[in-house]
Amino acid sequence: LDWMLVEAWNVEHNQLHHYCLGEMSDPDLVENNLMTLREDKGPMWAKYMRVAFFMMTWKWFYYAPNTFKMLSLHELRRNGQTATFPADAAKKYAGTPVPERWLDRPWTVAALVGKSANV
């Protein structure tokens, strides 16, 4: 676990994953996390290339940022706060609550661009 915080692993994996195993609220549910790949209308070879990329980089590309996100959300909720966009975000979003659909989905670099970045 040299690539993520142990506290983040405890929240994301030991608590959220094991208590929601196989359910839609399970942050590691592959069927849910790969929905965009399944629904992509692109060529099959491109899908295989994306899968090969994620096989080699999932720890850093998916797991490290997602476990940190879950730890941050856990700490916010324990303190009675909600996740909000920072003050330096676009005027339209600055200081407003982050939509639940963003909080429920995995946060990766790919989630911040394209269709999944729409609010």
N, C-alpha and C. Protein backbone atom coordinates (compact mmCIF):
# COMPACT_ATOMS: atom_id res chain seq x y z
N LEU A 1 0.81 -1.20 0.00
CA LEU A 1 0.00 0.00 0.00
C LEU A 1 0.86 1.26 0.00
N ASP A 2 1.99 1.20 -0.65
CA ASP A 2 2.87 2.36 -0.70
C ASP A 2 2.37 3.43 -1.66
N TRP A 3 1.29 3.18 -2.37
CA TRP A 3 0.78 4.12 -3.36
C TRP A 3 -0.54 4.77 -2.96
N MET A 4 -1.00 4.51 -1.72
CA MET A 4 -2.20 5.17 -1.22
C MET A 4 -2.15 5.23 0.30
N LEU A 5 -2.99 6.10 0.87
CA LEU A 5 -3.06 6.22 2.32
C LEU A 5 -3.77 5.02 2.92
N VAL A 6 -3.24 4.49 4.00
CA VAL A 6 -3.85 3.34 4.66
C VAL A 6 -5.25 3.71 5.17
N GLU A 7 -5.42 4.93 5.65
CA GLU A 7 -6.73 5.38 6.12
C GLU A 7 -7.75 5.37 4.99
N ALA A 8 -7.30 5.75 3.80
CA ALA A 8 -8.19 5.77 2.64
C ALA A 8 -8.59 4.35 2.26
N TRP A 9 -7.65 3.42 2.32
CA TRP A 9 -7.94 2.01 2.05
C TRP A 9 -8.97 1.49 3.05
N ASN A 10 -8.82 1.84 4.29
CA ASN A 10 -9.73 1.38 5.33
C ASN A 10 -11.17 1.84 5.04
N VAL A 11 -11.34 3.09 4.64
CA VAL A 11 -12.68 3.61 4.36
C VAL A 11 -13.24 2.99 3.09
N GLU A 12 -12.48 3.07 1.98
CA GLU A 12 -13.00 2.65 0.68
C GLU A 12 -13.16 1.14 0.59
N HIS A 13 -12.15 0.40 0.98
CA HIS A 13 -12.19 -1.05 0.79
C HIS A 13 -12.83 -1.78 1.98
N ASN A 14 -12.28 -1.57 3.16
CA ASN A 14 -12.74 -2.34 4.31
C ASN A 14 -14.16 -1.98 4.73
N GLN A 15 -14.54 -0.71 4.61
CA GLN A 15 -15.89 -0.32 5.02
C GLN A 15 -16.86 -0.33 3.84
N LEU A 16 -16.66 0.53 2.87
CA LEU A 16 -17.63 0.69 1.78
C LEU A 16 -17.74 -0.54 0.89
N HIS A 17 -16.62 -1.13 0.52
CA HIS A 17 -16.65 -2.28 -0.37
C HIS A 17 -17.23 -3.51 0.34
N HIS A 18 -16.70 -3.87 1.49
CA HIS A 18 -17.13 -5.10 2.14
C HIS A 18 -18.55 -5.03 2.70
N TYR A 19 -19.02 -3.86 3.07
CA TYR A 19 -20.39 -3.74 3.58
C TYR A 19 -21.42 -3.64 2.46
N CYS A 20 -20.97 -3.36 1.24
CA CYS A 20 -21.90 -3.23 0.10
C CYS A 20 -21.52 -4.19 -1.03
N LEU A 21 -20.90 -5.28 -0.71
CA LEU A 21 -20.35 -6.21 -1.69
C LEU A 21 -21.38 -6.62 -2.74
N GLY A 22 -21.07 -6.34 -4.01
CA GLY A 22 -21.93 -6.72 -5.11
C GLY A 22 -23.14 -5.83 -5.33
N GLU A 23 -23.32 -4.79 -4.54
CA GLU A 23 -24.44 -3.87 -4.70
C GLU A 23 -24.01 -2.65 -5.51
N MET A 24 -24.97 -1.88 -5.98
CA MET A 24 -24.63 -0.68 -6.76
C MET A 24 -23.84 0.33 -5.95
N SER A 25 -23.98 0.33 -4.64
CA SER A 25 -23.22 1.28 -3.81
C SER A 25 -21.81 0.79 -3.51
N ASP A 26 -21.44 -0.39 -3.99
CA ASP A 26 -20.08 -0.91 -3.84
C ASP A 26 -19.16 -0.11 -4.75
N PRO A 27 -18.17 0.61 -4.20
CA PRO A 27 -17.30 1.43 -5.05
C PRO A 27 -16.43 0.60 -5.98
N ASP A 28 -16.29 -0.69 -5.75
CA ASP A 28 -15.46 -1.55 -6.59
C ASP A 28 -16.28 -2.47 -7.50
N LEU A 29 -17.54 -2.18 -7.70
CA LEU A 29 -18.38 -3.01 -8.55
C LEU A 29 -18.00 -2.80 -10.01
N VAL A 30 -17.35 -3.79 -10.58
CA VAL A 30 -16.81 -3.68 -11.93
C VAL A 30 -17.90 -3.39 -12.95
N GLU A 31 -19.06 -4.03 -12.81
CA GLU A 31 -20.15 -3.82 -13.76
C GLU A 31 -20.56 -2.35 -13.81
N ASN A 32 -20.55 -1.69 -12.67
CA ASN A 32 -20.92 -0.29 -12.60
C ASN A 32 -19.78 0.61 -13.08
N ASN A 33 -18.57 0.30 -12.67
CA ASN A 33 -17.43 1.15 -13.00
C ASN A 33 -17.05 1.11 -14.48
N LEU A 34 -17.40 0.04 -15.17
CA LEU A 34 -17.06 -0.08 -16.59
C LEU A 34 -18.26 0.17 -17.51
N MET A 35 -19.31 0.78 -16.97
CA MET A 35 -20.51 1.03 -17.75
C MET A 35 -20.20 1.87 -18.99
N THR A 36 -19.40 2.91 -18.86
CA THR A 36 -19.10 3.77 -20.01
C THR A 36 -18.33 3.00 -21.09
N LEU A 37 -17.47 2.08 -20.68
CA LEU A 37 -16.74 1.28 -21.65
C LEU A 37 -17.69 0.34 -22.40
N ARG A 38 -18.61 -0.28 -21.69
CA ARG A 38 -19.58 -1.18 -22.33
C ARG A 38 -20.49 -0.43 -23.29
N GLU A 39 -20.91 0.79 -22.92
CA GLU A 39 -21.85 1.55 -23.74
C GLU A 39 -21.18 2.33 -24.86
N ASP A 40 -19.86 2.37 -24.87
CA ASP A 40 -19.12 3.09 -25.91
C ASP A 40 -19.38 2.45 -27.27
N LYS A 41 -19.65 3.29 -28.25
CA LYS A 41 -19.96 2.81 -29.60
C LYS A 41 -18.70 2.65 -30.46
N GLY A 42 -17.54 2.86 -29.87
CA GLY A 42 -16.29 2.77 -30.61
C GLY A 42 -15.94 1.36 -31.01
N PRO A 43 -14.87 1.22 -31.80
CA PRO A 43 -14.46 -0.11 -32.25
C PRO A 43 -13.96 -0.98 -31.09
N MET A 44 -14.12 -2.28 -31.25
CA MET A 44 -13.73 -3.23 -30.21
C MET A 44 -12.23 -3.15 -29.90
N TRP A 45 -11.39 -2.92 -30.92
CA TRP A 45 -9.96 -2.86 -30.67
C TRP A 45 -9.62 -1.69 -29.74
N ALA A 46 -10.37 -0.59 -29.86
CA ALA A 46 -10.13 0.57 -29.00
C ALA A 46 -10.52 0.25 -27.55
N LYS A 47 -11.59 -0.52 -27.39
CA LYS A 47 -11.99 -0.94 -26.04
C LYS A 47 -10.92 -1.83 -25.42
N TYR A 48 -10.37 -2.76 -26.23
CA TYR A 48 -9.30 -3.62 -25.72
C TYR A 48 -8.07 -2.81 -25.34
N MET A 49 -7.77 -1.78 -26.09
CA MET A 49 -6.62 -0.93 -25.77
C MET A 49 -6.85 -0.20 -24.44
N ARG A 50 -8.08 0.28 -24.22
CA ARG A 50 -8.39 0.95 -22.95
C ARG A 50 -8.28 -0.02 -21.79
N VAL A 51 -8.77 -1.23 -21.98
CA VAL A 51 -8.67 -2.25 -20.92
C VAL A 51 -7.21 -2.56 -20.64
N ALA A 52 -6.39 -2.71 -21.67
CA ALA A 52 -4.96 -2.98 -21.47
C ALA A 52 -4.28 -1.85 -20.71
N PHE A 53 -4.64 -0.61 -21.05
CA PHE A 53 -4.09 0.54 -20.34
C PHE A 53 -4.45 0.50 -18.86
N PHE A 54 -5.73 0.24 -18.56
CA PHE A 54 -6.17 0.21 -17.17
C PHE A 54 -5.58 -0.97 -16.40
N MET A 55 -5.34 -2.07 -17.09
CA MET A 55 -4.72 -3.22 -16.41
C MET A 55 -3.34 -2.86 -15.88
N MET A 56 -2.64 -2.00 -16.59
CA MET A 56 -1.28 -1.63 -16.18
C MET A 56 -1.23 -0.44 -15.24
N THR A 57 -2.29 0.37 -15.20
CA THR A 57 -2.23 1.63 -14.44
C THR A 57 -3.33 1.80 -13.41
N TRP A 58 -4.19 0.80 -13.17
CA TRP A 58 -5.38 0.99 -12.34
C TRP A 58 -5.05 1.47 -10.94
N LYS A 59 -3.94 1.05 -10.38
CA LYS A 59 -3.59 1.48 -9.02
C LYS A 59 -3.45 2.99 -8.92
N TRP A 60 -2.78 3.57 -9.89
CA TRP A 60 -2.50 5.01 -9.84
C TRP A 60 -3.61 5.82 -10.51
N PHE A 61 -4.19 5.27 -11.56
CA PHE A 61 -5.19 5.99 -12.34
C PHE A 61 -6.57 5.95 -11.69
N TYR A 62 -6.91 4.82 -11.07
CA TYR A 62 -8.24 4.66 -10.46
C TYR A 62 -8.18 4.56 -8.94
N TYR A 63 -7.45 3.60 -8.44
CA TYR A 63 -7.58 3.27 -7.02
C TYR A 63 -7.06 4.35 -6.08
N ALA A 64 -5.90 4.90 -6.34
CA ALA A 64 -5.35 5.93 -5.44
C ALA A 64 -6.25 7.16 -5.36
N PRO A 65 -6.69 7.76 -6.49
CA PRO A 65 -7.57 8.94 -6.35
C PRO A 65 -8.94 8.59 -5.78
N ASN A 66 -9.46 7.40 -6.10
CA ASN A 66 -10.79 7.05 -5.63
C ASN A 66 -10.80 6.77 -4.12
N THR A 67 -9.77 6.10 -3.62
CA THR A 67 -9.72 5.86 -2.17
C THR A 67 -9.55 7.17 -1.42
N PHE A 68 -8.77 8.09 -1.97
CA PHE A 68 -8.59 9.39 -1.32
C PHE A 68 -9.91 10.17 -1.34
N LYS A 69 -10.65 10.09 -2.45
CA LYS A 69 -11.96 10.75 -2.52
C LYS A 69 -12.88 10.21 -1.45
N MET A 70 -12.94 8.90 -1.31
CA MET A 70 -13.83 8.29 -0.31
C MET A 70 -13.43 8.68 1.11
N LEU A 71 -12.14 8.76 1.38
CA LEU A 71 -11.67 9.20 2.69
C LEU A 71 -12.09 10.65 2.94
N SER A 72 -11.93 11.51 1.95
CA SER A 72 -12.30 12.92 2.10
C SER A 72 -13.80 13.07 2.32
N LEU A 73 -14.60 12.34 1.56
CA LEU A 73 -16.05 12.40 1.75
C LEU A 73 -16.46 11.87 3.12
N HIS A 74 -15.80 10.80 3.55
CA HIS A 74 -16.08 10.23 4.87
C HIS A 74 -15.81 11.26 5.97
N GLU A 75 -14.67 11.96 5.86
CA GLU A 75 -14.32 12.96 6.87
C GLU A 75 -15.29 14.14 6.83
N LEU A 76 -15.69 14.58 5.63
CA LEU A 76 -16.66 15.67 5.52
C LEU A 76 -17.98 15.29 6.18
N ARG A 77 -18.47 14.11 5.88
CA ARG A 77 -19.76 13.67 6.44
C ARG A 77 -19.70 13.51 7.95
N ARG A 78 -18.58 13.03 8.46
CA ARG A 78 -18.43 12.89 9.91
C ARG A 78 -18.45 14.25 10.60
N ASN A 79 -18.01 15.28 9.87
CA ASN A 79 -18.00 16.64 10.42
C ASN A 79 -19.28 17.40 10.08
N GLY A 80 -20.25 16.72 9.49
CA GLY A 80 -21.53 17.36 9.16
C GLY A 80 -21.46 18.33 8.00
N GLN A 81 -20.50 18.16 7.11
CA GLN A 81 -20.33 19.05 5.97
C GLN A 81 -20.69 18.33 4.67
N THR A 82 -20.87 19.10 3.61
CA THR A 82 -21.09 18.52 2.28
C THR A 82 -19.96 18.94 1.36
N ALA A 83 -19.74 18.15 0.34
CA ALA A 83 -18.69 18.46 -0.63
C ALA A 83 -19.16 19.61 -1.52
N THR A 84 -18.35 20.65 -1.64
CA THR A 84 -18.68 21.79 -2.49
C THR A 84 -17.52 22.07 -3.43
N PHE A 85 -17.85 22.72 -4.55
CA PHE A 85 -16.80 23.13 -5.47
C PHE A 85 -15.98 24.24 -4.83
N PRO A 86 -14.68 24.31 -5.10
CA PRO A 86 -13.84 25.35 -4.51
C PRO A 86 -14.21 26.74 -5.03
N ALA A 87 -13.79 27.76 -4.29
CA ALA A 87 -14.11 29.14 -4.65
C ALA A 87 -13.51 29.55 -5.99
N ASP A 88 -12.39 28.92 -6.39
CA ASP A 88 -11.76 29.29 -7.65
C ASP A 88 -12.29 28.48 -8.84
N ALA A 89 -13.37 27.73 -8.65
CA ALA A 89 -14.00 27.01 -9.77
C ALA A 89 -14.74 28.02 -10.65
N ALA A 90 -15.24 27.55 -11.76
CA ALA A 90 -16.02 28.42 -12.65
C ALA A 90 -17.14 29.06 -11.85
N LYS A 91 -17.49 30.31 -12.18
CA LYS A 91 -18.50 31.06 -11.43
C LYS A 91 -19.78 30.26 -11.22
N LYS A 92 -20.16 29.53 -12.24
CA LYS A 92 -21.40 28.75 -12.21
C LYS A 92 -21.39 27.71 -11.07
N TYR A 93 -20.20 27.21 -10.71
CA TYR A 93 -20.11 26.13 -9.73
C TYR A 93 -19.51 26.55 -8.39
N ALA A 94 -18.77 27.62 -8.35
CA ALA A 94 -18.02 28.01 -7.14
C ALA A 94 -18.91 28.02 -5.90
N GLY A 95 -18.51 27.23 -4.91
CA GLY A 95 -19.21 27.20 -3.64
C GLY A 95 -20.49 26.37 -3.61
N THR A 96 -20.89 25.84 -4.75
CA THR A 96 -22.13 25.04 -4.79
C THR A 96 -21.82 23.58 -4.46
N PRO A 97 -22.80 22.83 -3.97
CA PRO A 97 -22.57 21.41 -3.65
C PRO A 97 -22.24 20.60 -4.90
N VAL A 98 -21.36 19.64 -4.74
CA VAL A 98 -21.01 18.74 -5.83
C VAL A 98 -22.18 17.76 -6.01
N PRO A 99 -22.66 17.56 -7.24
CA PRO A 99 -23.79 16.65 -7.46
C PRO A 99 -23.51 15.24 -6.95
N GLU A 100 -24.53 14.60 -6.40
CA GLU A 100 -24.38 13.25 -5.87
C GLU A 100 -23.87 12.27 -6.91
N ARG A 101 -24.29 12.44 -8.17
CA ARG A 101 -23.84 11.49 -9.19
C ARG A 101 -22.34 11.57 -9.42
N TRP A 102 -21.71 12.70 -9.09
CA TRP A 102 -20.26 12.79 -9.16
C TRP A 102 -19.61 12.10 -7.98
N LEU A 103 -20.28 12.14 -6.84
CA LEU A 103 -19.71 11.55 -5.63
C LEU A 103 -19.84 10.04 -5.64
N ASP A 104 -20.86 9.52 -6.31
CA ASP A 104 -21.09 8.08 -6.34
C ASP A 104 -20.22 7.37 -7.36
N ARG A 105 -19.80 8.05 -8.39
CA ARG A 105 -19.00 7.45 -9.45
C ARG A 105 -17.52 7.50 -9.11
N PRO A 106 -16.74 6.59 -9.66
CA PRO A 106 -15.29 6.65 -9.41
C PRO A 106 -14.70 7.93 -9.99
N TRP A 107 -13.75 8.49 -9.29
CA TRP A 107 -13.04 9.68 -9.78
C TRP A 107 -11.72 9.22 -10.36
N THR A 108 -11.57 9.41 -11.65
CA THR A 108 -10.30 9.15 -12.31
C THR A 108 -10.02 10.34 -13.19
N VAL A 109 -8.88 10.33 -13.82
CA VAL A 109 -8.56 11.41 -14.74
C VAL A 109 -9.60 11.44 -15.86
N ALA A 110 -10.03 10.27 -16.33
CA ALA A 110 -11.01 10.21 -17.42
C ALA A 110 -12.37 10.76 -17.00
N ALA A 111 -12.70 10.67 -15.72
CA ALA A 111 -14.00 11.16 -15.25
C ALA A 111 -14.06 12.68 -15.25
N LEU A 112 -12.93 13.33 -15.39
CA LEU A 112 -12.91 14.79 -15.35
C LEU A 112 -12.98 15.41 -16.74
N VAL A 113 -13.05 14.60 -17.78
CA VAL A 113 -13.15 15.10 -19.14
C VAL A 113 -14.27 14.38 -19.87
N GLY A 114 -14.76 14.95 -20.92
CA GLY A 114 -15.76 14.30 -21.75
C GLY A 114 -17.16 14.31 -21.14
N LYS A 115 -17.99 13.37 -21.56
CA LYS A 115 -19.39 13.31 -21.17
C LYS A 115 -19.57 13.21 -19.66
N SER A 116 -18.72 12.47 -18.98
CA SER A 116 -18.93 12.24 -17.55
C SER A 116 -18.64 13.49 -16.72
N ALA A 117 -18.09 14.53 -17.33
CA ALA A 117 -17.80 15.75 -16.57
C ALA A 117 -18.99 16.71 -16.58
N ASN A 118 -20.04 16.38 -17.32
CA ASN A 118 -21.21 17.26 -17.37
C ASN A 118 -21.95 17.24 -16.03
N VAL A 119 -22.33 18.41 -15.56
CA VAL A 119 -23.04 18.50 -14.28
C VAL A 119 -24.51 18.31 -14.49
